[in-house]
Amino acid sequence: LKISDSRRKVFVLVGDGEANEGTVWEA
């Protein structure tokens, strides 16, 4: 969306247990 200059926003809800996954911090 940023590349396309859109004004749309993205929201994501992450769990604290889920944050044990390394992919969370890589993202």
PDB file of all heavy atoms in Angstrom:
ATOM      1  N   LEU A   1       0.827  -1.211   0.000  1.00  0.00           N
ATOM      2  CA  LEU A   1       0.000   0.000   0.000  1.00  0.00           C
ATOM      3  C   LEU A   1       0.861   1.261   0.000  1.00  0.00           C
ATOM      4  O   LEU A   1       0.533   2.253  -0.648  1.00  0.00           O
ATOM      5  CB  LEU A   1      -0.931  -0.012   1.216  1.00  0.00           C
ATOM      6  CG  LEU A   1      -2.036  -1.071   1.182  1.00  0.00           C
ATOM      7  CD1 LEU A   1      -2.757  -1.135   2.526  1.00  0.00           C
ATOM      8  CD2 LEU A   1      -3.029  -0.800   0.050  1.00  0.00           C
ATOM      9  N   LYS A   2       1.977   1.214   0.732  1.00  0.00           N
ATOM     10  CA  LYS A   2       2.874   2.376   0.771  1.00  0.00           C
ATOM     11  C   LYS A   2       3.503   2.623  -0.594  1.00  0.00           C
ATOM     12  O   LYS A   2       3.599   3.771  -1.049  1.00  0.00           O
ATOM     13  CB  LYS A   2       3.957   2.165   1.833  1.00  0.00           C
ATOM     14  CG  LYS A   2       4.794   3.412   2.117  1.00  0.00           C
ATOM     15  CD  LYS A   2       5.753   3.169   3.269  1.00  0.00           C
ATOM     16  CE  LYS A   2       6.588   4.405   3.578  1.00  0.00           C
ATOM     17  NZ  LYS A   2       5.751   5.517   4.102  1.00  0.00           N
ATOM     18  N   ILE A   3       3.918   1.557  -1.250  1.00  0.00           N
ATOM     19  CA  ILE A   3       4.517   1.691  -2.585  1.00  0.00           C
ATOM     20  C   ILE A   3       3.517   2.300  -3.569  1.00  0.00           C
ATOM     21  O   ILE A   3       3.895   3.100  -4.442  1.00  0.00           O
ATOM     22  CB  ILE A   3       5.018   0.320  -3.079  1.00  0.00           C
ATOM     23  CG1 ILE A   3       6.238  -0.128  -2.262  1.00  0.00           C
ATOM     24  CG2 ILE A   3       5.355   0.361  -4.562  1.00  0.00           C
ATOM     25  CD1 ILE A   3       6.664  -1.559  -2.525  1.00  0.00           C
ATOM     26  N   SER A   4       2.251   1.951  -3.406  1.00  0.00           N
ATOM     27  CA  SER A   4       1.222   2.447  -4.329  1.00  0.00           C
ATOM     28  C   SER A   4       0.634   3.784  -3.892  1.00  0.00           C
ATOM     29  O   SER A   4      -0.348   4.252  -4.484  1.00  0.00           O
ATOM     30  CB  SER A   4       0.100   1.412  -4.462  1.00  0.00           C
ATOM     31  OG  SER A   4      -0.537   1.198  -3.216  1.00  0.00           O
ATOM     32  N   ASP A   5       1.222   4.393  -2.857  1.00  0.00           N
ATOM     33  CA  ASP A   5       0.777   5.707  -2.363  1.00  0.00           C
ATOM     34  C   ASP A   5      -0.681   5.707  -1.906  1.00  0.00           C
ATOM     35  O   ASP A   5      -1.385   6.709  -2.019  1.00  0.00           O
ATOM     36  CB  ASP A   5       0.975   6.798  -3.425  1.00  0.00           C
ATOM     37  CG  ASP A   5       2.443   7.091  -3.693  1.00  0.00           C
ATOM     38  OD1 ASP A   5       3.215   7.068  -2.717  1.00  0.00           O
ATOM     39  OD2 ASP A   5       2.793   7.319  -4.859  1.00  0.00           O
ATOM     40  N   SER A   6      -1.137   4.571  -1.384  1.00  0.00           N
ATOM     41  CA  SER A   6      -2.495   4.478  -0.868  1.00  0.00           C
ATOM     42  C   SER A   6      -2.563   5.075   0.536  1.00  0.00           C
ATOM     43  O   SER A   6      -1.602   5.019   1.304  1.00  0.00           O
ATOM     44  CB  SER A   6      -2.932   3.012  -0.811  1.00  0.00           C
ATOM     45  OG  SER A   6      -4.161   2.879  -0.134  1.00  0.00           O
ATOM     46  N   ARG A   7      -3.726   5.654   0.876  1.00  0.00           N
ATOM     47  CA  ARG A   7      -3.902   6.179   2.224  1.00  0.00           C
ATOM     48  C   ARG A   7      -4.499   5.142   3.173  1.00  0.00           C
ATOM     49  O   ARG A   7      -4.781   5.427   4.328  1.00  0.00           O
ATOM     50  CB  ARG A   7      -4.786   7.421   2.203  1.00  0.00           C
ATOM     51  CG  ARG A   7      -6.237   7.202   1.824  1.00  0.00           C
ATOM     52  CD  ARG A   7      -6.947   8.522   1.612  1.00  0.00           C
ATOM     53  NE  ARG A   7      -8.374   8.378   1.395  1.00  0.00           N
ATOM     54  CZ  ARG A   7      -9.301   8.644   2.315  1.00  0.00           C
ATOM     55  NH1 ARG A   7      -8.940   9.060   3.514  1.00  0.00           N
ATOM     56  NH2 ARG A   7     -10.596   8.497   2.043  1.00  0.00           N
ATOM     57  N   ARG A   8      -4.682   3.925   2.675  1.00  0.00           N
ATOM     58  CA  ARG A   8      -5.228   2.856   3.514  1.00  0.00           C
ATOM     59  C   ARG A   8      -4.220   2.447   4.591  1.00  0.00           C
ATOM     60  O   ARG A   8      -3.011   2.588   4.418  1.00  0.00           O
ATOM     61  CB  ARG A   8      -5.589   1.642   2.653  1.00  0.00           C
ATOM     62  CG  ARG A   8      -6.679   1.930   1.646  1.00  0.00           C
ATOM     63  CD  ARG A   8      -6.797   0.820   0.631  1.00  0.00           C
ATOM     64  NE  ARG A   8      -7.233  -0.430   1.224  1.00  0.00           N
ATOM     65  CZ  ARG A   8      -7.205  -1.606   0.596  1.00  0.00           C
ATOM     66  NH1 ARG A   8      -6.705  -1.682  -0.640  1.00  0.00           N
ATOM     67  NH2 ARG A   8      -7.636  -2.692   1.182  1.00  0.00           N
ATOM     68  N   LYS A   9      -4.743   1.950   5.701  1.00  0.00           N
ATOM     69  CA  LYS A   9      -3.910   1.544   6.819  1.00  0.00           C
ATOM     70  C   LYS A   9      -4.071   0.052   7.086  1.00  0.00           C
ATOM     71  O   LYS A   9      -5.091  -0.550   6.738  1.00  0.00           O
ATOM     72  CB  LYS A   9      -4.278   2.337   8.075  1.00  0.00           C
ATOM     73  CG  LYS A   9      -4.041   3.835   7.950  1.00  0.00           C
ATOM     74  CD  LYS A   9      -4.457   4.564   9.224  1.00  0.00           C
ATOM     75  CE  LYS A   9      -4.227   6.063   9.098  1.00  0.00           C
ATOM     76  NZ  LYS A   9      -4.650   6.786  10.331  1.00  0.00           N
ATOM     77  N   VAL A  10      -3.061  -0.520   7.725  1.00  0.00           N
ATOM     78  CA  VAL A  10      -3.081  -1.936   8.082  1.00  0.00           C
ATOM     79  C   VAL A  10      -2.914  -2.064   9.592  1.00  0.00           C
ATOM     80  O   VAL A  10      -2.040  -1.426  10.186  1.00  0.00           O
ATOM     81  CB  VAL A  10      -1.961  -2.720   7.359  1.00  0.00           C
ATOM     82  CG1 VAL A  10      -1.992  -4.191   7.765  1.00  0.00           C
ATOM     83  CG2 VAL A  10      -2.105  -2.581   5.845  1.00  0.00           C
ATOM     84  N   PHE A  11      -3.765  -2.891  10.195  1.00  0.00           N
ATOM     85  CA  PHE A  11      -3.712  -3.152  11.625  1.00  0.00           C
ATOM     86  C   PHE A  11      -3.544  -4.663  11.824  1.00  0.00           C
ATOM     87  O   PHE A  11      -4.191  -5.455  11.139  1.00  0.00           O
ATOM     88  CB  PHE A  11      -5.001  -2.699  12.311  1.00  0.00           C
ATOM     89  CG  PHE A  11      -5.310  -1.237  12.132  1.00  0.00           C
ATOM     90  CD1 PHE A  11      -5.973  -0.791  10.986  1.00  0.00           C
ATOM     91  CD2 PHE A  11      -4.934  -0.305  13.093  1.00  0.00           C
ATOM     92  CE1 PHE A  11      -6.261   0.562  10.812  1.00  0.00           C
ATOM     93  CE2 PHE A  11      -5.216   1.043  12.925  1.00  0.00           C
ATOM     94  CZ  PHE A  11      -5.880   1.477  11.780  1.00  0.00           C
ATOM     95  N   VAL A  12      -2.694  -5.045  12.761  1.00  0.00           N
ATOM     96  CA  VAL A  12      -2.496  -6.467  13.031  1.00  0.00           C
ATOM     97  C   VAL A  12      -2.442  -6.685  14.537  1.00  0.00           C
ATOM     98  O   VAL A  12      -1.817  -5.914  15.265  1.00  0.00           O
ATOM     99  CB  VAL A  12      -1.217  -6.996  12.334  1.00  0.00           C
ATOM    100  CG1 VAL A  12       0.033  -6.252  12.789  1.00  0.00           C
ATOM    101  CG2 VAL A  12      -1.059  -8.498  12.562  1.00  0.00           C
ATOM    102  N   LEU A  13      -3.143  -7.720  14.994  1.00  0.00           N
ATOM    103  CA  LEU A  13      -3.188  -8.050  16.416  1.00  0.00           C
ATOM    104  C   LEU A  13      -2.350  -9.297  16.658  1.00  0.00           C
ATOM    105  O   LEU A  13      -2.607 -10.362  16.093  1.00  0.00           O
ATOM    106  CB  LEU A  13      -4.638  -8.282  16.842  1.00  0.00           C
ATOM    107  CG  LEU A  13      -4.917  -8.675  18.289  1.00  0.00           C
ATOM    108  CD1 LEU A  13      -4.272  -7.702  19.266  1.00  0.00           C
ATOM    109  CD2 LEU A  13      -6.415  -8.755  18.537  1.00  0.00           C
ATOM    110  N   VAL A  14      -1.337  -9.144  17.509  1.00  0.00           N
ATOM    111  CA  VAL A  14      -0.370 -10.205  17.794  1.00  0.00           C
ATOM    112  C   VAL A  14      -0.503 -10.614  19.258  1.00  0.00           C
ATOM    113  O   VAL A  14      -0.655  -9.753  20.139  1.00  0.00           O
ATOM    114  CB  VAL A  14       1.067  -9.715  17.523  1.00  0.00           C
ATOM    115  CG1 VAL A  14       2.086 -10.782  17.879  1.00  0.00           C
ATOM    116  CG2 VAL A  14       1.218  -9.299  16.070  1.00  0.00           C
ATOM    117  N   GLY A  15      -0.441 -11.894  19.535  1.00  0.00           N
ATOM    118  CA  GLY A  15      -0.486 -12.377  20.908  1.00  0.00           C
ATOM    119  C   GLY A  15       0.880 -12.385  21.557  1.00  0.00           C
ATOM    120  O   GLY A  15       1.902 -12.511  20.873  1.00  0.00           O
ATOM    121  N   ASP A  16       0.904 -12.258  22.884  1.00  0.00           N
ATOM    122  CA  ASP A  16       2.197 -12.257  23.570  1.00  0.00           C
ATOM    123  C   ASP A  16       2.865 -13.627  23.518  1.00  0.00           C
ATOM    124  O   ASP A  16       4.085 -13.736  23.392  1.00  0.00           O
ATOM    125  CB  ASP A  16       2.072 -11.754  25.015  1.00  0.00           C
ATOM    126  CG  ASP A  16       1.160 -12.601  25.890  1.00  0.00           C
ATOM    127  OD1 ASP A  16       0.425 -13.460  25.359  1.00  0.00           O
ATOM    128  OD2 ASP A  16       1.154 -12.384  27.118  1.00  0.00           O
ATOM    129  N   GLY A  17       2.066 -14.699  23.563  1.00  0.00           N
ATOM    130  CA  GLY A  17       2.646 -16.028  23.401  1.00  0.00           C
ATOM    131  C   GLY A  17       3.171 -16.224  21.991  1.00  0.00           C
ATOM    132  O   GLY A  17       4.242 -16.813  21.780  1.00  0.00           O
ATOM    133  N   GLU A  18       2.435 -15.717  21.034  1.00  0.00           N
ATOM    134  CA  GLU A  18       2.843 -15.777  19.627  1.00  0.00           C
ATOM    135  C   GLU A  18       4.186 -15.089  19.408  1.00  0.00           C
ATOM    136  O   GLU A  18       4.952 -15.472  18.514  1.00  0.00           O
ATOM    137  CB  GLU A  18       1.766 -15.118  18.773  1.00  0.00           C
ATOM    138  CG  GLU A  18       2.065 -15.049  17.303  1.00  0.00           C
ATOM    139  CD  GLU A  18       0.982 -14.329  16.516  1.00  0.00           C
ATOM    140  OE1 GLU A  18       0.193 -13.577  17.130  1.00  0.00           O
ATOM    141  OE2 GLU A  18       0.927 -14.523  15.295  1.00  0.00           O
ATOM    142  N   ALA A  19       4.466 -14.070  20.227  1.00  0.00           N
ATOM    143  CA  ALA A  19       5.705 -13.303  20.061  1.00  0.00           C
ATOM    144  C   ALA A  19       6.945 -14.113  20.419  1.00  0.00           C
ATOM    145  O   ALA A  19       8.069 -13.632  20.266  1.00  0.00           O
ATOM    146  CB  ALA A  19       5.655 -12.021  20.894  1.00  0.00           C
ATOM    147  N   ASN A  20       6.766 -15.352  20.876  1.00  0.00           N
ATOM    148  CA  ASN A  20       7.902 -16.260  21.027  1.00  0.00           C
ATOM    149  C   ASN A  20       8.411 -16.747  19.664  1.00  0.00           C
ATOM    150  O   ASN A  20       9.485 -17.344  19.576  1.00  0.00           O
ATOM    151  CB  ASN A  20       7.519 -17.473  21.879  1.00  0.00           C
ATOM    152  CG  ASN A  20       7.531 -17.209  23.368  1.00  0.00           C
ATOM    153  OD1 ASN A  20       7.353 -18.118  24.173  1.00  0.00           O
ATOM    154  ND2 ASN A  20       7.723 -15.964  23.791  1.00  0.00           N
ATOM    155  N   GLU A  21       7.620 -16.513  18.612  1.00  0.00           N
ATOM    156  CA  GLU A  21       8.021 -16.902  17.259  1.00  0.00           C
ATOM    157  C   GLU A  21       8.968 -15.854  16.681  1.00  0.00           C
ATOM    158  O   GLU A  21       8.672 -14.659  16.675  1.00  0.00           O
ATOM    159  CB  GLU A  21       6.788 -17.011  16.352  1.00  0.00           C
ATOM    160  CG  GLU A  21       5.812 -18.102  16.754  1.00  0.00           C
ATOM    161  CD  GLU A  21       6.277 -19.483  16.329  1.00  0.00           C
ATOM    162  OE1 GLU A  21       7.344 -19.589  15.686  1.00  0.00           O
ATOM    163  OE2 GLU A  21       5.571 -20.457  16.638  1.00  0.00           O
ATOM    164  N   GLY A  22      10.093 -16.299  16.163  1.00  0.00           N
ATOM    165  CA  GLY A  22      11.072 -15.373  15.605  1.00  0.00           C
ATOM    166  C   GLY A  22      10.565 -14.587  14.416  1.00  0.00           C
ATOM    167  O   GLY A  22      11.010 -13.466  14.152  1.00  0.00           O
ATOM    168  N   THR A  23       9.588 -15.159  13.688  1.00  0.00           N
ATOM    169  CA  THR A  23       9.057 -14.469  12.518  1.00  0.00           C
ATOM    170  C   THR A  23       8.393 -13.144  12.891  1.00  0.00           C
ATOM    171  O   THR A  23       8.340 -12.226  12.065  1.00  0.00           O
ATOM    172  CB  THR A  23       8.030 -15.351  11.787  1.00  0.00           C
ATOM    173  OG1 THR A  23       7.066 -15.841  12.737  1.00  0.00           O
ATOM    174  CG2 THR A  23       8.696 -16.521  11.102  1.00  0.00           C
ATOM    175  N   VAL A  24       7.880 -13.060  14.126  1.00  0.00           N
ATOM    176  CA  VAL A  24       7.257 -11.802  14.577  1.00  0.00           C
ATOM    177  C   VAL A  24       8.281 -10.677  14.539  1.00  0.00           C
ATOM    178  O   VAL A  24       8.041  -9.594  13.986  1.00  0.00           O
ATOM    179  CB  VAL A  24       6.675 -11.963  15.995  1.00  0.00           C
ATOM    180  CG1 VAL A  24       6.255 -10.605  16.567  1.00  0.00           C
ATOM    181  CG2 VAL A  24       5.490 -12.921  15.969  1.00  0.00           C
ATOM    182  N   TRP A  25       9.452 -10.931  15.090  1.00  0.00           N
ATOM    183  CA  TRP A  25      10.476  -9.886  15.198  1.00  0.00           C
ATOM    184  C   TRP A  25      11.168  -9.637  13.863  1.00  0.00           C
ATOM    185  O   TRP A  25      11.595  -8.508  13.572  1.00  0.00           O
ATOM    186  CB  TRP A  25      11.460 -10.244  16.304  1.00  0.00           C
ATOM    187  CG  TRP A  25      10.697 -10.447  17.586  1.00  0.00           C
ATOM    188  CD1 TRP A  25      10.365 -11.629  18.184  1.00  0.00           C
ATOM    189  CD2 TRP A  25      10.087  -9.416  18.375  1.00  0.00           C
ATOM    190  NE1 TRP A  25       9.601 -11.397  19.292  1.00  0.00           N
ATOM    191  CE2 TRP A  25       9.416 -10.054  19.448  1.00  0.00           C
ATOM    192  CE3 TRP A  25      10.041  -8.022  18.283  1.00  0.00           C
ATOM    193  CZ2 TRP A  25       8.710  -9.337  20.414  1.00  0.00           C
ATOM    194  CZ3 TRP A  25       9.345  -7.310  19.251  1.00  0.00           C
ATOM    195  CH2 TRP A  25       8.694  -7.963  20.304  1.00  0.00           C
ATOM    196  N   GLU A  26      11.255 -10.648  13.026  1.00  0.00           N
ATOM    197  CA  GLU A  26      11.780 -10.443  11.677  1.00  0.00           C
ATOM    198  C   GLU A  26      10.847  -9.512  10.896  1.00  0.00           C
ATOM    199  O   GLU A  26      11.309  -8.620  10.166  1.00  0.00           O
ATOM    200  CB  GLU A  26      11.914 -11.789  10.955  1.00  0.00           C
ATOM    201  CG  GLU A  26      13.025 -12.670  11.527  1.00  0.00           C
ATOM    202  CD  GLU A  26      12.996 -14.082  10.977  1.00  0.00           C
ATOM    203  OE1 GLU A  26      12.060 -14.393  10.188  1.00  0.00           O
ATOM    204  OE2 GLU A  26      13.881 -14.875  11.317  1.00  0.00           O
ATOM    205  N   ALA A  27       9.534  -9.711  11.060  1.00  0.00           N
ATOM    206  CA  ALA A  27       8.567  -8.850  10.391  1.00  0.00           C
ATOM    207  C   ALA A  27       8.657  -7.421  10.911  1.00  0.00           C
ATOM    208  O   ALA A  27       8.576  -6.452  10.137  1.00  0.00           O
ATOM    209  CB  ALA A  27       7.149  -9.399  10.589  1.00  0.00           C
TER     210      ALA A  27
END
